[in-house]
PDB file of N, CA and C in Angstrom:
ATOM      1  N   MET A   1       0.877  -1.700  -0.072  1.00  0.00           N
ATOM      2  CA  MET A   1       0.011   0.331   0.285  1.00  0.00           C
ATOM      3  C   MET A   1       1.082   1.342  -0.290  1.00  0.00           C
ATOM      4  N   LYS A   2       1.623   1.256   0.035  1.00  0.00           N
ATOM      5  CA  LYS A   2       2.452   2.726   0.637  1.00  0.00           C
ATOM      6  C   LYS A   2       3.738   2.573  -0.859  1.00  0.00           C
ATOM      7  N   ASN A   3       3.691   1.834  -0.973  1.00  0.00           N
ATOM      8  CA  ASN A   3       4.123   1.992  -2.808  1.00  0.00           C
ATOM      9  C   ASN A   3       2.872   2.731  -3.971  1.00  0.00           C
ATOM     10  N   LEU A   4       1.843   2.597  -3.060  1.00  0.00           N
ATOM     11  CA  LEU A   4       0.710   3.284  -3.867  1.00  0.00           C
ATOM     12  C   LEU A   4       0.204   4.876  -3.769  1.00  0.00           C
ATOM     13  N   ALA A   5       0.786   4.815  -2.816  1.00  0.00           N
ATOM     14  CA  ALA A   5       1.010   6.056  -2.730  1.00  0.00           C
ATOM     15  C   ALA A   5       2.530   7.483  -2.272  1.00  0.00           C
ATOM     16  N   LYS A   6       3.629   6.683  -3.170  1.00  0.00           N
ATOM     17  CA  LYS A   6       4.017   7.590  -3.173  1.00  0.00           C
ATOM     18  C   LYS A   6       3.724   7.158  -5.003  1.00  0.00           C
ATOM     19  N   GLN A   7       3.279   6.298  -5.274  1.00  0.00           N
ATOM     20  CA  GLN A   7       3.142   6.482  -7.456  1.00  0.00           C
ATOM     21  C   GLN A   7       1.737   7.695  -7.433  1.00  0.00           C
ATOM     22  N   LEU A   8       1.154   7.960  -6.137  1.00  0.00           N
ATOM     23  CA  LEU A   8       0.244   8.632  -6.766  1.00  0.00           C
ATOM     24  C   LEU A   8       0.744  10.618  -5.953  1.00  0.00           C
ATOM     25  N   GLY A   9       1.804  10.621  -5.835  1.00  0.00           N
ATOM     26  CA  GLY A   9       2.059  10.934  -5.210  1.00  0.00           C
ATOM     27  C   GLY A   9       2.654  12.063  -5.830  1.00  0.00           C
ATOM     28  N   ALA A  10       3.691  10.616  -7.024  1.00  0.00           N
ATOM     29  CA  ALA A  10       4.533  11.497  -7.745  1.00  0.00           C
ATOM     30  C   ALA A  10       3.656  11.741  -9.096  1.00  0.00           C
ATOM     31  N   ASN A  11       2.371  11.108  -8.849  1.00  0.00           N
ATOM     32  CA  ASN A  11       1.915  11.491 -10.097  1.00  0.00           C
ATOM     33  C   ASN A  11       1.554  13.775 -10.125  1.00  0.00           C
ATOM     34  N   ILE A  12       0.814  13.447  -8.674  1.00  0.00           N
ATOM     35  CA  ILE A  12       0.359  14.360  -8.226  1.00  0.00           C
ATOM     36  C   ILE A  12       2.038  15.684  -8.730  1.00  0.00           C
ATOM     37  N   ARG A  13       2.473  15.020  -8.255  1.00  0.00           N
ATOM     38  CA  ARG A  13       3.751  16.390  -9.030  1.00  0.00           C
ATOM     39  C   ARG A  13       4.025  16.521  -9.592  1.00  0.00           C
ATOM     40  N   ASP A  14       4.296  15.312 -11.066  1.00  0.00           N
ATOM     41  CA  ASP A  14       4.321  15.657 -12.050  1.00  0.00           C
ATOM     42  C   ASP A  14       3.368  16.411 -13.092  1.00  0.00           C
ATOM     43  N   LYS A  15       1.794  16.737 -12.372  1.00  0.00           N
ATOM     44  CA  LYS A  15       1.081  17.088 -12.993  1.00  0.00           C
ATOM     45  C   LYS A  15       1.138  18.484 -12.655  1.00  0.00           C
ATOM     46  N   ARG A  16       1.374  18.595 -11.297  1.00  0.00           N
ATOM     47  CA  ARG A  16       1.264  19.742 -11.140  1.00  0.00           C
ATOM     48  C   ARG A  16       2.432  20.547 -11.947  1.00  0.00           C
ATOM     49  N   LYS A  17       4.016  20.134 -11.991  1.00  0.00           N
ATOM     50  CA  LYS A  17       4.739  20.472 -12.189  1.00  0.00           C
ATOM     51  C   LYS A  17       4.748  21.193 -13.805  1.00  0.00           C
ATOM     52  N   GLU A  18       3.954  19.696 -14.492  1.00  0.00           N
ATOM     53  CA  GLU A  18       3.582  20.302 -16.047  1.00  0.00           C
ATOM     54  C   GLU A  18       2.305  21.373 -15.777  1.00  0.00           C
ATOM     55  N   GLN A  19       2.142  21.618 -14.981  1.00  0.00           N
ATOM     56  CA  GLN A  19       0.938  23.246 -15.363  1.00  0.00           C
ATOM     57  C   GLN A  19       1.699  24.211 -14.497  1.00  0.00           C
ATOM     58  N   GLY A  20       3.111  23.938 -14.420  1.00  0.00           N
ATOM     59  CA  GLY A  20       4.094  24.976 -13.410  1.00  0.00           C
ATOM     60  C   GLY A  20       3.430  26.019 -11.958  1.00  0.00           C
ATOM     61  N   ILE A  21       3.084  24.587 -11.320  1.00  0.00           N
ATOM     62  CA  ILE A  21       1.748  25.381 -10.683  1.00  0.00           C
ATOM     63  C   ILE A  21       2.920  25.284  -9.082  1.00  0.00           C
ATOM     64  N   PRO A  22       3.525  26.350  -8.098  1.00  0.00           N
ATOM     65  CA  PRO A  22       3.519  26.217  -7.553  1.00  0.00           C
ATOM     66  C   PRO A  22       2.950  25.371  -6.654  1.00  0.00           C
ATOM     67  N   GLN A  23       4.131  24.130  -5.696  1.00  0.00           N
ATOM     68  CA  GLN A  23       3.716  23.014  -4.437  1.00  0.00           C
ATOM     69  C   GLN A  23       2.404  24.184  -3.187  1.00  0.00           C
ATOM     70  N   GLU A  24       3.576  25.809  -3.208  1.00  0.00           N
ATOM     71  CA  GLU A  24       2.725  26.239  -2.304  1.00  0.00           C
ATOM     72  C   GLU A  24       1.375  26.727  -2.541  1.00  0.00           C
ATOM     73  N   ARG A  25       1.236  27.187  -3.646  1.00  0.00           N
ATOM     74  CA  ARG A  25      -0.121  27.445  -4.607  1.00  0.00           C
ATOM     75  C   ARG A  25      -0.726  26.649  -3.826  1.00  0.00           C
ATOM     76  N   LEU A  26      -0.922  24.986  -4.876  1.00  0.00           N
ATOM     77  CA  LEU A  26      -1.614  24.126  -4.483  1.00  0.00           C
ATOM     78  C   LEU A  26      -2.444  23.590  -3.724  1.00  0.00           C
ATOM     79  N   ALA A  27      -1.186  23.830  -2.652  1.00  0.00           N
ATOM     80  CA  ALA A  27      -1.790  23.692  -0.941  1.00  0.00           C
ATOM     81  C   ALA A  27      -2.047  24.423  -0.676  1.00  0.00           C
ATOM     82  N   LEU A  28      -2.051  25.382  -1.151  1.00  0.00           N
ATOM     83  CA  LEU A  28      -3.531  27.329  -0.207  1.00  0.00           C
ATOM     84  C   LEU A  28      -4.719  26.666  -0.855  1.00  0.00           C
ATOM     85  N   GLU A  29      -4.639  27.108  -1.911  1.00  0.00           N
ATOM     86  CA  GLU A  29      -5.982  26.447  -2.572  1.00  0.00           C
ATOM     87  C   GLU A  29      -6.723  25.275  -2.506  1.00  0.00           C
ATOM     88  N   CYS A  30      -5.674  24.110  -1.679  1.00  0.00           N
ATOM     89  CA  CYS A  30      -6.651  22.605  -1.416  1.00  0.00           C
ATOM     90  C   CYS A  30      -6.611  23.020  -0.101  1.00  0.00           C
ATOM     91  N   GLY A  31      -6.003  24.243   0.994  1.00  0.00           N
ATOM     92  CA  GLY A  31      -6.922  24.214   2.116  1.00  0.00           C
ATOM     93  C   GLY A  31      -6.511  23.328   2.921  1.00  0.00           C
ATOM     94  N   VAL A  32      -4.620  23.422   2.968  1.00  0.00           N
ATOM     95  CA  VAL A  32      -4.034  21.904   2.825  1.00  0.00           C
ATOM     96  C   VAL A  32      -2.178  23.153   3.487  1.00  0.00           C
ATOM     97  N   ASP A  33      -1.613  22.433   4.895  1.00  0.00           N
ATOM     98  CA  ASP A  33      -0.809  23.036   5.114  1.00  0.00           C
ATOM     99  C   ASP A  33       0.827  23.188   3.688  1.00  0.00           C
ATOM    100  N   ARG A  34       1.887  23.788   2.919  1.00  0.00           N
ATOM    101  CA  ARG A  34       2.615  23.291   2.159  1.00  0.00           C
ATOM    102  C   ARG A  34       3.130  22.519   2.891  1.00  0.00           C
ATOM    103  N   SER A  35       3.160  21.646   3.669  1.00  0.00           N
ATOM    104  CA  SER A  35       4.584  21.075   4.433  1.00  0.00           C
ATOM    105  C   SER A  35       2.864  19.591   4.162  1.00  0.00           C
ATOM    106  N   TYR A  36       2.593  19.174   4.444  1.00  0.00           N
ATOM    107  CA  TYR A  36       1.412  18.789   3.731  1.00  0.00           C
ATOM    108  C   TYR A  36       1.444  18.083   2.536  1.00  0.00           C
ATOM    109  N   MET A  37       1.202  19.019   1.716  1.00  0.00           N
ATOM    110  CA  MET A  37       1.152  18.920   0.139  1.00  0.00           C
ATOM    111  C   MET A  37       2.260  18.291  -0.177  1.00  0.00           C
ATOM    112  N   GLY A  38       4.040  18.951   0.540  1.00  0.00           N
ATOM    113  CA  GLY A  38       4.752  17.878   0.164  1.00  0.00           C
ATOM    114  C   GLY A  38       4.968  15.660   0.628  1.00  0.00           C
ATOM    115  N   ARG A  39       4.352  16.406   2.387  1.00  0.00           N
ATOM    116  CA  ARG A  39       4.349  14.938   2.299  1.00  0.00           C
ATOM    117  C   ARG A  39       2.980  14.174   1.277  1.00  0.00           C
ATOM    118  N   ILE A  40       2.534  14.198   0.993  1.00  0.00           N
ATOM    119  CA  ILE A  40       1.179  13.383  -0.035  1.00  0.00           C
ATOM    120  C   ILE A  40       2.006  13.813  -0.862  1.00  0.00           C
ATOM    121  N   GLU A  41       2.591  14.511  -1.973  1.00  0.00           N
ATOM    122  CA  GLU A  41       3.816  14.333  -3.496  1.00  0.00           C
ATOM    123  C   GLU A  41       4.767  13.128  -2.605  1.00  0.00           C
ATOM    124  N   ARG A  42       5.923  13.123  -1.112  1.00  0.00           N
ATOM    125  CA  ARG A  42       6.194  11.551  -1.415  1.00  0.00           C
ATOM    126  C   ARG A  42       5.232  10.613  -1.017  1.00  0.00           C
ATOM    127  N   GLY A  43       4.517  10.419  -0.822  1.00  0.00           N
ATOM    128  CA  GLY A  43       4.074   9.308  -0.133  1.00  0.00           C
ATOM    129  C   GLY A  43       3.864   8.746   1.043  1.00  0.00           C
ATOM    130  N   LYS A  44       3.764   9.883   1.843  1.00  0.00           N
ATOM    131  CA  LYS A  44       3.912   9.500   3.353  1.00  0.00           C
ATOM    132  C   LYS A  44       2.350   9.628   3.989  1.00  0.00           C
ATOM    133  N   VAL A  45       1.632  10.263   3.486  1.00  0.00           N
ATOM    134  CA  VAL A  45       0.326  10.183   3.819  1.00  0.00           C
ATOM    135  C   VAL A  45      -0.700   9.745   2.773  1.00  0.00           C
ATOM    136  N   ASN A  46      -1.800   9.142   3.161  1.00  0.00           N
ATOM    137  CA  ASN A  46      -2.780   8.349   2.353  1.00  0.00           C
ATOM    138  C   ASN A  46      -3.905   9.973   2.588  1.00  0.00           C
ATOM    139  N   ILE A  47      -4.044   9.856   1.252  1.00  0.00           N
ATOM    140  CA  ILE A  47      -4.901  11.092   0.999  1.00  0.00           C
ATOM    141  C   ILE A  47      -6.779  10.199   1.411  1.00  0.00           C
ATOM    142  N   THR A  48      -7.637  10.945   1.322  1.00  0.00           N
ATOM    143  CA  THR A  48      -8.994  10.966   1.740  1.00  0.00           C
ATOM    144  C   THR A  48      -9.835  11.246   0.246  1.00  0.00           C
ATOM    145  N   VAL A  49     -10.812  10.029  -0.372  1.00  0.00           N
ATOM    146  CA  VAL A  49     -11.424  10.783  -1.659  1.00  0.00           C
ATOM    147  C   VAL A  49     -11.674  12.240  -2.264  1.00  0.00           C
ATOM    148  N   ASP A  50     -11.829  12.518  -1.057  1.00  0.00           N
ATOM    149  CA  ASP A  50     -12.164  14.156  -0.917  1.00  0.00           C
ATOM    150  C   ASP A  50     -11.309  14.754  -1.368  1.00  0.00           C
ATOM    151  N   LYS A  51     -10.246  14.270  -1.150  1.00  0.00           N
ATOM    152  CA  LYS A  51      -8.638  15.299  -0.934  1.00  0.00           C
ATOM    153  C   LYS A  51      -7.958  15.008  -2.053  1.00  0.00           C
ATOM    154  N   LEU A  52      -8.158  13.763  -2.808  1.00  0.00           N
ATOM    155  CA  LEU A  52      -7.705  13.240  -4.217  1.00  0.00           C
ATOM    156  C   LEU A  52      -8.391  14.282  -5.641  1.00  0.00           C
ATOM    157  N   TYR A  53     -10.256  14.141  -5.108  1.00  0.00           N
ATOM    158  CA  TYR A  53     -10.702  15.130  -6.060  1.00  0.00           C
ATOM    159  C   TYR A  53     -10.786  16.181  -5.951  1.00  0.00           C
ATOM    160  N   GLN A  54     -10.420  16.420  -4.799  1.00  0.00           N
ATOM    161  CA  GLN A  54     -10.047  18.236  -4.538  1.00  0.00           C
ATOM    162  C   GLN A  54      -9.064  18.514  -4.840  1.00  0.00           C
ATOM    163  N   ILE A  55      -7.717  17.863  -5.119  1.00  0.00           N
ATOM    164  CA  ILE A  55      -6.261  18.232  -5.420  1.00  0.00           C
ATOM    165  C   ILE A  55      -6.804  17.492  -7.471  1.00  0.00           C
ATOM    166  N   ALA A  56      -7.073  16.955  -7.852  1.00  0.00           N
ATOM    167  CA  ALA A  56      -7.195  16.904  -9.076  1.00  0.00           C
ATOM    168  C   ALA A  56      -8.456  18.006  -9.682  1.00  0.00           C
ATOM    169  N   ALA A  57      -9.052  18.423  -8.927  1.00  0.00           N
ATOM    170  CA  ALA A  57     -10.106  20.190  -9.753  1.00  0.00           C
ATOM    171  C   ALA A  57      -9.089  20.971  -9.877  1.00  0.00           C
ATOM    172  N   LYS A  58      -8.121  21.685  -8.658  1.00  0.00           N
ATOM    173  CA  LYS A  58      -7.111  22.122  -8.802  1.00  0.00           C
ATOM    174  C   LYS A  58      -6.640  21.766  -9.946  1.00  0.00           C
ATOM    175  N   LEU A  59      -5.898  20.665 -10.539  1.00  0.00           N
ATOM    176  CA  LEU A  59      -5.265  20.103 -11.625  1.00  0.00           C
ATOM    177  C   LEU A  59      -5.674  20.211 -12.661  1.00  0.00           C
ATOM    178  N   ASN A  60      -6.899  20.517 -12.779  1.00  0.00           N
ATOM    179  CA  ASN A  60      -8.123  20.561 -13.752  1.00  0.00           C
ATOM    180  C   ASN A  60      -7.835  19.155 -14.671  1.00  0.00           C
ATOM    181  N   CYS A  61      -7.991  17.808 -14.353  1.00  0.00           N
ATOM    182  CA  CYS A  61      -7.647  17.036 -14.410  1.00  0.00           C
ATOM    183  C   CYS A  61      -8.735  15.749 -13.662  1.00  0.00           C
ATOM    184  N   GLU A  62      -9.098  14.906 -14.306  1.00  0.00           N
ATOM    185  CA  GLU A  62     -10.108  13.732 -14.212  1.00  0.00           C
ATOM    186  C   GLU A  62      -8.996  13.023 -12.974  1.00  0.00           C
ATOM    187  N   PRO A  63      -9.256  12.885 -11.365  1.00  0.00           N
ATOM    188  CA  PRO A  63      -9.072  11.972  -9.996  1.00  0.00           C
ATOM    189  C   PRO A  63      -8.395  10.616 -11.308  1.00  0.00           C
ATOM    190  N   ALA A  64      -8.964   9.880 -11.562  1.00  0.00           N
ATOM    191  CA  ALA A  64      -8.623   8.993 -12.296  1.00  0.00           C
ATOM    192  C   ALA A  64      -7.217   8.782 -12.633  1.00  0.00           C
ATOM    193  N   SER A  65      -6.860  10.050 -13.291  1.00  0.00           N
ATOM    194  CA  SER A  65      -5.934  10.422 -13.882  1.00  0.00           C
ATOM    195  C   SER A  65      -4.292  10.238 -13.467  1.00  0.00           C
ATOM    196  N   LEU A  66      -4.936  10.722 -11.691  1.00  0.00           N
ATOM    197  CA  LEU A  66      -3.949  10.927 -11.170  1.00  0.00           C
ATOM    198  C   LEU A  66      -3.256   9.754 -10.316  1.00  0.00           C
ATOM    199  N   LEU A  67      -4.407   8.961 -10.550  1.00  0.00           N
ATOM    200  CA  LEU A  67      -4.110   7.449  -9.459  1.00  0.00           C
ATOM    201  C   LEU A  67      -3.177   6.851 -10.529  1.00  0.00           C
ATOM    202  N   PRO A  68      -2.544   5.441  -9.251  1.00  0.00           N
ATOM    203  CA  PRO A  68      -1.037   4.854 -10.593  1.00  0.00           C
ATOM    204  C   PRO A  68      -1.704   3.682 -11.198  1.00  0.00           C
ATOM    205  N   LEU A  69      -1.158   3.381 -12.075  1.00  0.00           N
ATOM    206  CA  LEU A  69      -1.729   2.009 -12.736  1.00  0.00           C
ATOM    207  C   LEU A  69      -1.814   1.000 -11.650  1.00  0.00           C
ATOM    208  N   SER A  70      -2.201   0.039 -11.955  1.00  0.00           N
ATOM    209  CA  SER A  70      -3.014  -1.184 -11.016  1.00  0.00           C
ATOM    210  C   SER A  70      -2.426  -2.118 -11.915  1.00  0.00           C
ATOM    211  N   GLU A  71      -1.400  -3.152 -10.555  1.00  0.00           N
ATOM    212  CA  GLU A  71      -0.699  -4.609 -10.847  1.00  0.00           C
ATOM    213  C   GLU A  71      -1.807  -5.543 -10.720  1.00  0.00           C
ATOM    214  N   ALA A  72      -1.932  -6.216 -11.105  1.00  0.00           N
ATOM    215  CA  ALA A  72      -2.686  -7.490 -10.725  1.00  0.00           C
ATOM    216  C   ALA A  72      -1.188  -8.518  -9.959  1.00  0.00           C
ATOM    217  N   ARG A  73      -1.724  -8.718  -8.641  1.00  0.00           N
ATOM    218  CA  ARG A  73      -1.644  -9.273  -7.795  1.00  0.00           C
ATOM    219  C   ARG A  73      -1.861 -11.127  -7.887  1.00  0.00           C
ATOM    220  N   PRO A  74      -0.798 -11.993  -7.547  1.00  0.00           N
ATOM    221  CA  PRO A  74      -0.943 -13.824  -7.637  1.00  0.00           C
ATOM    222  C   PRO A  74      -2.356 -13.318  -6.762  1.00  0.00           C
ATOM    223  N   SER A  75      -3.210 -12.926  -5.939  1.00  0.00           N
ATOM    224  CA  SER A  75      -4.005 -13.543  -5.772  1.00  0.00           C
ATOM    225  C   SER A  75      -5.103 -13.311  -6.012  1.00  0.00           C
ATOM    226  N   ASP A  76      -5.302 -11.609  -7.136  1.00  0.00           N
ATOM    227  CA  ASP A  76      -5.695 -11.020  -7.821  1.00  0.00           C
ATOM    228  C   ASP A  76      -6.486 -11.634  -9.056  1.00  0.00           C
ATOM    229  N   LYS A  77      -5.487 -12.988  -8.923  1.00  0.00           N
ATOM    230  CA  LYS A  77      -5.646 -13.346 -10.841  1.00  0.00           C
ATOM    231  C   LYS A  77      -6.689 -14.520 -10.385  1.00  0.00           C
ATOM    232  N   GLN A  78      -7.677 -14.908 -11.651  1.00  0.00           N
ATOM    233  CA  GLN A  78      -8.542 -15.302 -11.182  1.00  0.00           C
ATOM    234  C   GLN A  78      -7.916 -16.405 -12.176  1.00  0.00           C
ATOM    235  N   SER A  79      -8.654 -17.948 -11.685  1.00  0.00           N
ATOM    236  CA  SER A  79      -8.816 -19.405 -12.139  1.00  0.00           C
ATOM    237  C   SER A  79      -9.221 -19.610 -13.767  1.00  0.00           C
TER     238      SER A  79
END
């Protein structure tokens, strides 16, 4: 699960940088502290679905586009 948070955070950071938005501005617009946004981008915290949608809205993208691609685990495979 920790890897998912890191991948999500990296996707958020990449999208933010693509658009030239400073981390501090995104944090302010999302109503969180800049240090918390940094922890999100480093994958140190798990965010709520609400926060994901809020960040996506500020980045003008679909929330799903920020999610990491899923990889099937052996237990997920059907026989």
